[in-house]
Amino acid sequence: MRNYKALKSASKVSVRKQEAAEAVYNEDGSVKTQEVREELQVVCKCYDAQTGEAKDDSVRAYSLSDVKREVDHCKSQVARLEAEQAEWEQLETDLKAL
């Protein structure tokens, strides 16, 4: 999530654990059971750009596995960029030595 730390510092985003009900249906369409599960959510404050009036909050559900996958992806990008940086730094050093 972009700018999460800044938004959190400005109290414009928060996290919460919410119970979510999910119906399981029979073949005839009637409700078989009602399953209650916990959902991890990020709640973002929303405002009208023209008036500054508060609008309904934006709520997005996340799973820890989704977040871990994003963290791992960012880490792999950092490693790739650090390796690329090292290549450029070596070239710069060699060119300066001429």
Foldseek 3Di string as FASTA:
>chain_A
DPPPVVCVVVVFKDKDKDKDWDFDADPVGHTPDIDIDIWIKMWGWDADPVPRHTDHIDIDTDDPVRVVVVVVVVVVVVVVVVVVVVVVVVVVVVVVVD
